[in-house]
């Protein structure tokens, strides 16, 4: 399964806290993913799709925004 985590950073180069939490949760569960810095074009497309916060996670079958432990756990195929 292909998983991409679109992240944002502030002017000082710090990644958003939800972006960091999402990546750490995936790392703990051994989930392989790719990270992309969200471009302005990406941002506009995600807003049109209703995703108003970062990160935006795109998989083969799902897309979501923000830190979603439930969605991350579902990627492992486990219930808890």
PDB file of N, CA and C in Angstrom:
ATOM      1  N   UNK A   1       0.846  -1.183   0.000  1.00  0.00           N
ATOM      2  CA  UNK A   1       0.000   0.000   0.000  1.00  0.00           C
ATOM      3  C   UNK A   1       0.885   1.237   0.000  1.00  0.00           C
ATOM      4  N   UNK A   2       0.522   2.195  -0.789  1.00  0.00           N
ATOM      5  CA  UNK A   2       1.238   3.462  -0.853  1.00  0.00           C
ATOM      6  C   UNK A   2       0.607   4.450   0.140  1.00  0.00           C
ATOM      7  N   UNK A   3       1.443   5.059   0.972  1.00  0.00           N
ATOM      8  CA  UNK A   3       0.968   6.040   1.946  1.00  0.00           C
ATOM      9  C   UNK A   3       1.853   7.273   1.842  1.00  0.00           C
ATOM     10  N   UNK A   4       1.228   8.429   1.669  1.00  0.00           N
ATOM     11  CA  UNK A   4       1.954   9.697   1.627  1.00  0.00           C
ATOM     12  C   UNK A   4       1.407  10.607   2.700  1.00  0.00           C
ATOM     13  N   UNK A   5       2.307  11.199   3.487  1.00  0.00           N
ATOM     14  CA  UNK A   5       1.945  12.151   4.527  1.00  0.00           C
ATOM     15  C   UNK A   5       2.392  13.531   4.047  1.00  0.00           C
ATOM     16  N   UNK A   6       1.424  14.391   3.781  1.00  0.00           N
ATOM     17  CA  UNK A   6       1.710  15.763   3.359  1.00  0.00           C
ATOM     18  C   UNK A   6       1.797  16.636   4.608  1.00  0.00           C
ATOM     19  N   UNK A   7       2.959  17.240   4.829  1.00  0.00           N
ATOM     20  CA  UNK A   7       3.206  18.015   6.035  1.00  0.00           C
ATOM     21  C   UNK A   7       3.396  19.486   5.706  1.00  0.00           C
ATOM     22  N   UNK A   8       3.347  20.312   6.762  1.00  0.00           N
ATOM     23  CA  UNK A   8       3.659  21.729   6.621  1.00  0.00           C
ATOM     24  C   UNK A   8       4.686  22.111   7.684  1.00  0.00           C
ATOM     25  N   UNK A   9       5.457  23.132   7.377  1.00  0.00           N
ATOM     26  CA  UNK A   9       6.417  23.672   8.339  1.00  0.00           C
ATOM     27  C   UNK A   9       6.197  25.167   8.456  1.00  0.00           C
ATOM     28  N   UNK A  10       6.572  25.719   9.615  1.00  0.00           N
ATOM     29  CA  UNK A  10       6.441  27.158   9.807  1.00  0.00           C
ATOM     30  C   UNK A  10       7.676  27.879   9.265  1.00  0.00           C
ATOM     31  N   UNK A  11       7.709  29.182   9.449  1.00  0.00           N
ATOM     32  CA  UNK A  11       8.800  30.002   8.929  1.00  0.00           C
ATOM     33  C   UNK A  11      10.149  29.608   9.524  1.00  0.00           C
ATOM     34  N   UNK A  12      10.147  29.058  10.721  1.00  0.00           N
ATOM     35  CA  UNK A  12      11.384  28.644  11.389  1.00  0.00           C
ATOM     36  C   UNK A  12      11.792  27.219  11.005  1.00  0.00           C
ATOM     37  N   UNK A  13      11.005  26.580  10.142  1.00  0.00           N
ATOM     38  CA  UNK A  13      11.331  25.230   9.706  1.00  0.00           C
ATOM     39  C   UNK A  13      10.821  24.138  10.625  1.00  0.00           C
ATOM     40  N   UNK A  14       9.949  24.500  11.578  1.00  0.00           N
ATOM     41  CA  UNK A  14       9.391  23.492  12.498  1.00  0.00           C
ATOM     42  C   UNK A  14       8.146  22.869  11.877  1.00  0.00           C
ATOM     43  N   UNK A  15       8.090  21.557  11.967  1.00  0.00           N
ATOM     44  CA  UNK A  15       6.945  20.824  11.445  1.00  0.00           C
ATOM     45  C   UNK A  15       5.758  20.972  12.397  1.00  0.00           C
ATOM     46  N   UNK A  16       4.545  20.941  11.857  1.00  0.00           N
ATOM     47  CA  UNK A  16       3.360  21.055  12.703  1.00  0.00           C
ATOM     48  C   UNK A  16       3.305  19.891  13.694  1.00  0.00           C
ATOM     49  N   UNK A  17       2.731  20.121  14.852  1.00  0.00           N
ATOM     50  CA  UNK A  17       2.703  19.092  15.902  1.00  0.00           C
ATOM     51  C   UNK A  17       1.881  17.880  15.487  1.00  0.00           C
ATOM     52  N   UNK A  18       0.790  18.089  14.759  1.00  0.00           N
ATOM     53  CA  UNK A  18      -0.026  16.957  14.297  1.00  0.00           C
ATOM     54  C   UNK A  18       0.721  16.139  13.248  1.00  0.00           C
ATOM     55  N   UNK A  19       1.559  16.816  12.459  1.00  0.00           N
ATOM     56  CA  UNK A  19       2.376  16.117  11.460  1.00  0.00           C
ATOM     57  C   UNK A  19       3.374  15.207  12.169  1.00  0.00           C
ATOM     58  N   UNK A  20       4.037  15.746  13.176  1.00  0.00           N
ATOM     59  CA  UNK A  20       5.017  14.979  13.945  1.00  0.00           C
ATOM     60  C   UNK A  20       4.347  13.802  14.644  1.00  0.00           C
ATOM     61  N   UNK A  21       3.197  14.038  15.266  1.00  0.00           N
ATOM     62  CA  UNK A  21       2.481  12.975  15.981  1.00  0.00           C
ATOM     63  C   UNK A  21       2.056  11.865  15.024  1.00  0.00           C
ATOM     64  N   UNK A  22       1.608  12.223  13.833  1.00  0.00           N
ATOM     65  CA  UNK A  22       1.182  11.236  12.848  1.00  0.00           C
ATOM     66  C   UNK A  22       2.355  10.359  12.431  1.00  0.00           C
ATOM     67  N   UNK A  23       3.472  10.981  12.117  1.00  0.00           N
ATOM     68  CA  UNK A  23       4.646  10.213  11.690  1.00  0.00           C
ATOM     69  C   UNK A  23       5.171   9.327  12.818  1.00  0.00           C
ATOM     70  N   UNK A  24       5.186   9.824  14.049  1.00  0.00           N
ATOM     71  CA  UNK A  24       5.655   9.014  15.182  1.00  0.00           C
ATOM     72  C   UNK A  24       4.740   7.802  15.401  1.00  0.00           C
ATOM     73  N   UNK A  25       3.438   8.008  15.287  1.00  0.00           N
ATOM     74  CA  UNK A  25       2.487   6.904  15.471  1.00  0.00           C
ATOM     75  C   UNK A  25       2.677   5.847  14.382  1.00  0.00           C
ATOM     76  N   UNK A  26       2.918   6.288  13.174  1.00  0.00           N
ATOM     77  CA  UNK A  26       3.152   5.336  12.087  1.00  0.00           C
ATOM     78  C   UNK A  26       4.476   4.603  12.295  1.00  0.00           C
ATOM     79  N   UNK A  27       5.494   5.322  12.726  1.00  0.00           N
ATOM     80  CA  UNK A  27       6.799   4.702  12.994  1.00  0.00           C
ATOM     81  C   UNK A  27       6.671   3.620  14.070  1.00  0.00           C
ATOM     82  N   UNK A  28       5.943   3.930  15.157  1.00  0.00           N
ATOM     83  CA  UNK A  28       5.766   2.966  16.250  1.00  0.00           C
ATOM     84  C   UNK A  28       5.087   1.691  15.783  1.00  0.00           C
ATOM     85  N   UNK A  29       4.240   1.807  14.783  1.00  0.00           N
ATOM     86  CA  UNK A  29       3.492   0.644  14.289  1.00  0.00           C
ATOM     87  C   UNK A  29       4.162  -0.007  13.075  1.00  0.00           C
ATOM     88  N   UNK A  30       5.326   0.512  12.692  1.00  0.00           N
ATOM     89  CA  UNK A  30       6.053  -0.084  11.573  1.00  0.00           C
ATOM     90  C   UNK A  30       5.430   0.171  10.215  1.00  0.00           C
ATOM     91  N   UNK A  31       4.674   1.255  10.095  1.00  0.00           N
ATOM     92  CA  UNK A  31       4.017   1.595   8.834  1.00  0.00           C
ATOM     93  C   UNK A  31       4.997   2.380   7.958  1.00  0.00           C
ATOM     94  N   UNK A  32       5.159   1.931   6.739  1.00  0.00           N
ATOM     95  CA  UNK A  32       6.031   2.608   5.782  1.00  0.00           C
ATOM     96  C   UNK A  32       5.237   3.698   5.068  1.00  0.00           C
ATOM     97  N   UNK A  33       5.826   4.876   4.955  1.00  0.00           N
ATOM     98  CA  UNK A  33       5.155   6.006   4.323  1.00  0.00           C
ATOM     99  C   UNK A  33       6.187   6.929   3.688  1.00  0.00           C
ATOM    100  N   UNK A  34       5.706   7.795   2.824  1.00  0.00           N
ATOM    101  CA  UNK A  34       6.533   8.824   2.205  1.00  0.00           C
ATOM    102  C   UNK A  34       6.070  10.171   2.756  1.00  0.00           C
ATOM    103  N   UNK A  35       6.996  11.091   2.910  1.00  0.00           N
ATOM    104  CA  UNK A  35       6.668  12.433   3.399  1.00  0.00           C
ATOM    105  C   UNK A  35       6.870  13.427   2.263  1.00  0.00           C
ATOM    106  N   UNK A  36       5.895  14.309   2.102  1.00  0.00           N
ATOM    107  CA  UNK A  36       6.010  15.404   1.137  1.00  0.00           C
ATOM    108  C   UNK A  36       5.624  16.701   1.830  1.00  0.00           C
ATOM    109  N   UNK A  37       6.397  17.725   1.580  1.00  0.00           N
ATOM    110  CA  UNK A  37       6.032  19.065   2.044  1.00  0.00           C
ATOM    111  C   UNK A  37       4.855  19.519   1.183  1.00  0.00           C
ATOM    112  N   UNK A  38       3.809  19.981   1.838  1.00  0.00           N
ATOM    113  CA  UNK A  38       2.608  20.402   1.141  1.00  0.00           C
ATOM    114  C   UNK A  38       2.875  21.706   0.387  1.00  0.00           C
ATOM    115  N   UNK A  39       2.636  21.686  -0.915  1.00  0.00           N
ATOM    116  CA  UNK A  39       2.792  22.887  -1.730  1.00  0.00           C
ATOM    117  C   UNK A  39       1.489  23.693  -1.678  1.00  0.00           C
ATOM    118  N   UNK A  40       1.534  24.887  -2.194  1.00  0.00           N
ATOM    119  CA  UNK A  40       0.323  25.712  -2.244  1.00  0.00           C
ATOM    120  C   UNK A  40      -0.734  25.053  -3.136  1.00  0.00           C
ATOM    121  N   UNK A  41      -0.299  24.424  -4.212  1.00  0.00           N
ATOM    122  CA  UNK A  41      -1.222  23.706  -5.103  1.00  0.00           C
ATOM    123  C   UNK A  41      -1.873  22.542  -4.363  1.00  0.00           C
ATOM    124  N   UNK A  42      -1.054  21.790  -3.608  1.00  0.00           N
ATOM    125  CA  UNK A  42      -1.602  20.699  -2.791  1.00  0.00           C
ATOM    126  C   UNK A  42      -2.623  21.245  -1.807  1.00  0.00           C
ATOM    127  N   UNK A  43      -2.257  22.322  -1.139  1.00  0.00           N
ATOM    128  CA  UNK A  43      -3.118  22.915  -0.116  1.00  0.00           C
ATOM    129  C   UNK A  43      -4.488  23.278  -0.679  1.00  0.00           C
ATOM    130  N   UNK A  44      -4.490  23.908  -1.842  1.00  0.00           N
ATOM    131  CA  UNK A  44      -5.755  24.303  -2.474  1.00  0.00           C
ATOM    132  C   UNK A  44      -6.593  23.087  -2.843  1.00  0.00           C
ATOM    133  N   UNK A  45      -5.952  22.057  -3.379  1.00  0.00           N
ATOM    134  CA  UNK A  45      -6.686  20.839  -3.754  1.00  0.00           C
ATOM    135  C   UNK A  45      -7.261  20.158  -2.514  1.00  0.00           C
ATOM    136  N   UNK A  46      -6.483  20.104  -1.439  1.00  0.00           N
ATOM    137  CA  UNK A  46      -6.971  19.473  -0.211  1.00  0.00           C
ATOM    138  C   UNK A  46      -8.116  20.279   0.398  1.00  0.00           C
ATOM    139  N   UNK A  47      -8.019  21.596   0.354  1.00  0.00           N
ATOM    140  CA  UNK A  47      -9.119  22.434   0.872  1.00  0.00           C
ATOM    141  C   UNK A  47     -10.405  22.181   0.095  1.00  0.00           C
ATOM    142  N   UNK A  48     -10.286  22.077  -1.220  1.00  0.00           N
ATOM    143  CA  UNK A  48     -11.467  21.805  -2.054  1.00  0.00           C
ATOM    144  C   UNK A  48     -12.085  20.455  -1.707  1.00  0.00           C
ATOM    145  N   UNK A  49     -11.249  19.522  -1.263  1.00  0.00           N
ATOM    146  CA  UNK A  49     -11.737  18.189  -0.882  1.00  0.00           C
ATOM    147  C   UNK A  49     -12.236  18.159   0.562  1.00  0.00           C
ATOM    148  N   UNK A  50     -12.124  19.302   1.263  1.00  0.00           N
ATOM    149  CA  UNK A  50     -12.638  19.383   2.626  1.00  0.00           C
ATOM    150  C   UNK A  50     -11.608  19.137   3.716  1.00  0.00           C
ATOM    151  N   UNK A  51     -10.355  19.000   3.345  1.00  0.00           N
ATOM    152  CA  UNK A  51      -9.286  18.778   4.325  1.00  0.00           C
ATOM    153  C   UNK A  51      -8.685  20.127   4.717  1.00  0.00           C
ATOM    154  N   UNK A  52      -9.000  20.565   5.939  1.00  0.00           N
ATOM    155  CA  UNK A  52      -8.656  21.918   6.350  1.00  0.00           C
ATOM    156  C   UNK A  52      -7.478  22.004   7.316  1.00  0.00           C
ATOM    157  N   UNK A  53      -6.850  20.880   7.642  1.00  0.00           N
ATOM    158  CA  UNK A  53      -5.731  20.896   8.577  1.00  0.00           C
ATOM    159  C   UNK A  53      -4.651  19.940   8.092  1.00  0.00           C
ATOM    160  N   UNK A  54      -3.472  20.120   8.627  1.00  0.00           N
ATOM    161  CA  UNK A  54      -2.350  19.231   8.291  1.00  0.00           C
ATOM    162  C   UNK A  54      -2.137  18.264   9.449  1.00  0.00           C
ATOM    163  N   UNK A  55      -1.536  17.132   9.188  1.00  0.00           N
ATOM    164  CA  UNK A  55      -1.137  16.660   7.869  1.00  0.00           C
ATOM    165  C   UNK A  55      -2.327  16.121   7.100  1.00  0.00           C
ATOM    166  N   UNK A  56      -2.109  15.913   5.816  1.00  0.00           N
ATOM    167  CA  UNK A  56      -3.080  15.182   5.023  1.00  0.00           C
ATOM    168  C   UNK A  56      -2.411  13.864   4.654  1.00  0.00           C
ATOM    169  N   UNK A  57      -3.082  12.770   4.975  1.00  0.00           N
ATOM    170  CA  UNK A  57      -2.556  11.437   4.700  1.00  0.00           C
ATOM    171  C   UNK A  57      -3.360  10.846   3.546  1.00  0.00           C
ATOM    172  N   UNK A  58      -2.634  10.382   2.534  1.00  0.00           N
ATOM    173  CA  UNK A  58      -3.267   9.807   1.348  1.00  0.00           C
ATOM    174  C   UNK A  58      -2.793   8.365   1.216  1.00  0.00           C
ATOM    175  N   UNK A  59      -3.746   7.425   1.199  1.00  0.00           N
ATOM    176  CA  UNK A  59      -3.435   6.013   0.978  1.00  0.00           C
ATOM    177  C   UNK A  59      -4.103   5.581  -0.324  1.00  0.00           C
ATOM    178  N   UNK A  60      -3.947   4.324  -0.663  1.00  0.00           N
ATOM    179  CA  UNK A  60      -4.587   3.799  -1.870  1.00  0.00           C
ATOM    180  C   UNK A  60      -6.107   3.848  -1.777  1.00  0.00           C
ATOM    181  N   UNK A  61      -6.640   3.796  -0.543  1.00  0.00           N
ATOM    182  CA  UNK A  61      -8.088   3.672  -0.368  1.00  0.00           C
ATOM    183  C   UNK A  61      -8.731   4.760   0.481  1.00  0.00           C
ATOM    184  N   UNK A  62      -7.931   5.667   1.058  1.00  0.00           N
ATOM    185  CA  UNK A  62      -8.488   6.639   1.999  1.00  0.00           C
ATOM    186  C   UNK A  62      -7.638   7.905   2.006  1.00  0.00           C
ATOM    187  N   UNK A  63      -8.242   8.995   2.420  1.00  0.00           N
ATOM    188  CA  UNK A  63      -7.547  10.263   2.619  1.00  0.00           C
ATOM    189  C   UNK A  63      -8.146  10.918   3.847  1.00  0.00           C
ATOM    190  N   UNK A  64      -7.276  11.447   4.736  1.00  0.00           N
ATOM    191  CA  UNK A  64      -7.777  12.161   5.896  1.00  0.00           C
ATOM    192  C   UNK A  64      -6.821  13.277   6.285  1.00  0.00           C
ATOM    193  N   UNK A  65      -7.330  14.182   7.124  1.00  0.00           N
ATOM    194  CA  UNK A  65      -6.529  15.317   7.586  1.00  0.00           C
ATOM    195  C   UNK A  65      -6.433  15.298   9.101  1.00  0.00           C
ATOM    196  N   UNK A  66      -5.294  15.763   9.611  1.00  0.00           N
ATOM    197  CA  UNK A  66      -5.078  15.856  11.046  1.00  0.00           C
ATOM    198  C   UNK A  66      -4.531  14.563  11.624  1.00  0.00           C
ATOM    199  N   UNK A  67      -4.293  14.581  12.927  1.00  0.00           N
ATOM    200  CA  UNK A  67      -3.789  13.409  13.633  1.00  0.00           C
ATOM    201  C   UNK A  67      -4.959  12.491  13.931  1.00  0.00           C
ATOM    202  N   UNK A  68      -4.983  11.317  13.302  1.00  0.00           N
ATOM    203  CA  UNK A  68      -6.100  10.382  13.417  1.00  0.00           C
ATOM    204  C   UNK A  68      -5.577   9.009  13.851  1.00  0.00           C
ATOM    205  N   UNK A  69      -5.388   8.801  15.161  1.00  0.00           N
ATOM    206  CA  UNK A  69      -4.900   7.501  15.638  1.00  0.00           C
ATOM    207  C   UNK A  69      -5.754   6.329  15.165  1.00  0.00           C
ATOM    208  N   UNK A  70      -7.072   6.530  15.059  1.00  0.00           N
ATOM    209  CA  UNK A  70      -7.952   5.460  14.608  1.00  0.00           C
ATOM    210  C   UNK A  70      -7.641   5.041  13.171  1.00  0.00           C
ATOM    211  N   UNK A  71      -7.399   6.003  12.320  1.00  0.00           N
ATOM    212  CA  UNK A  71      -7.071   5.717  10.929  1.00  0.00           C
ATOM    213  C   UNK A  71      -5.706   5.065  10.802  1.00  0.00           C
ATOM    214  N   UNK A  72      -4.758   5.545  11.614  1.00  0.00           N
ATOM    215  CA  UNK A  72      -3.413   4.965  11.606  1.00  0.00           C
ATOM    216  C   UNK A  72      -3.480   3.507  12.047  1.00  0.00           C
ATOM    217  N   UNK A  73      -4.213   3.228  13.116  1.00  0.00           N
ATOM    218  CA  UNK A  73      -4.359   1.856  13.595  1.00  0.00           C
ATOM    219  C   UNK A  73      -5.008   0.976  12.530  1.00  0.00           C
ATOM    220  N   UNK A  74      -5.977   1.513  11.811  1.00  0.00           N
ATOM    221  CA  UNK A  74      -6.648   0.739  10.756  1.00  0.00           C
ATOM    222  C   UNK A  74      -5.669   0.326   9.661  1.00  0.00           C
ATOM    223  N   UNK A  75      -4.611   1.099   9.470  1.00  0.00           N
ATOM    224  CA  UNK A  75      -3.617   0.750   8.441  1.00  0.00           C
ATOM    225  C   UNK A  75      -2.860  -0.522   8.809  1.00  0.00           C
ATOM    226  N   UNK A  76      -2.822  -0.851  10.087  1.00  0.00           N
ATOM    227  CA  UNK A  76      -2.103  -2.052  10.527  1.00  0.00           C
ATOM    228  C   UNK A  76      -2.975  -3.288  10.405  1.00  0.00           C
ATOM    229  N   UNK A  77      -4.285  -3.102  10.236  1.00  0.00           N
ATOM    230  CA  UNK A  77      -5.200  -4.230  10.166  1.00  0.00           C
ATOM    231  C   UNK A  77      -5.556  -4.790  11.518  1.00  0.00           C
ATOM    232  N   UNK A  78      -5.191  -4.064  12.580  1.00  0.00           N
ATOM    233  CA  UNK A  78      -5.497  -4.506  13.951  1.00  0.00           C
ATOM    234  C   UNK A  78      -6.581  -3.629  14.538  1.00  0.00           C
ATOM    235  N   UNK A  79      -7.304  -4.148  15.497  1.00  0.00           N
ATOM    236  CA  UNK A  79      -8.382  -3.386  16.131  1.00  0.00           C
ATOM    237  C   UNK A  79      -7.909  -2.555  17.302  1.00  0.00           C
ATOM    238  N   UNK A  80      -6.840  -2.943  17.963  1.00  0.00           N
ATOM    239  CA  UNK A  80      -6.335  -2.151  19.084  1.00  0.00           C
ATOM    240  C   UNK A  80      -4.879  -2.412  19.308  1.00  0.00           C
TER     241      UNK A  80
END
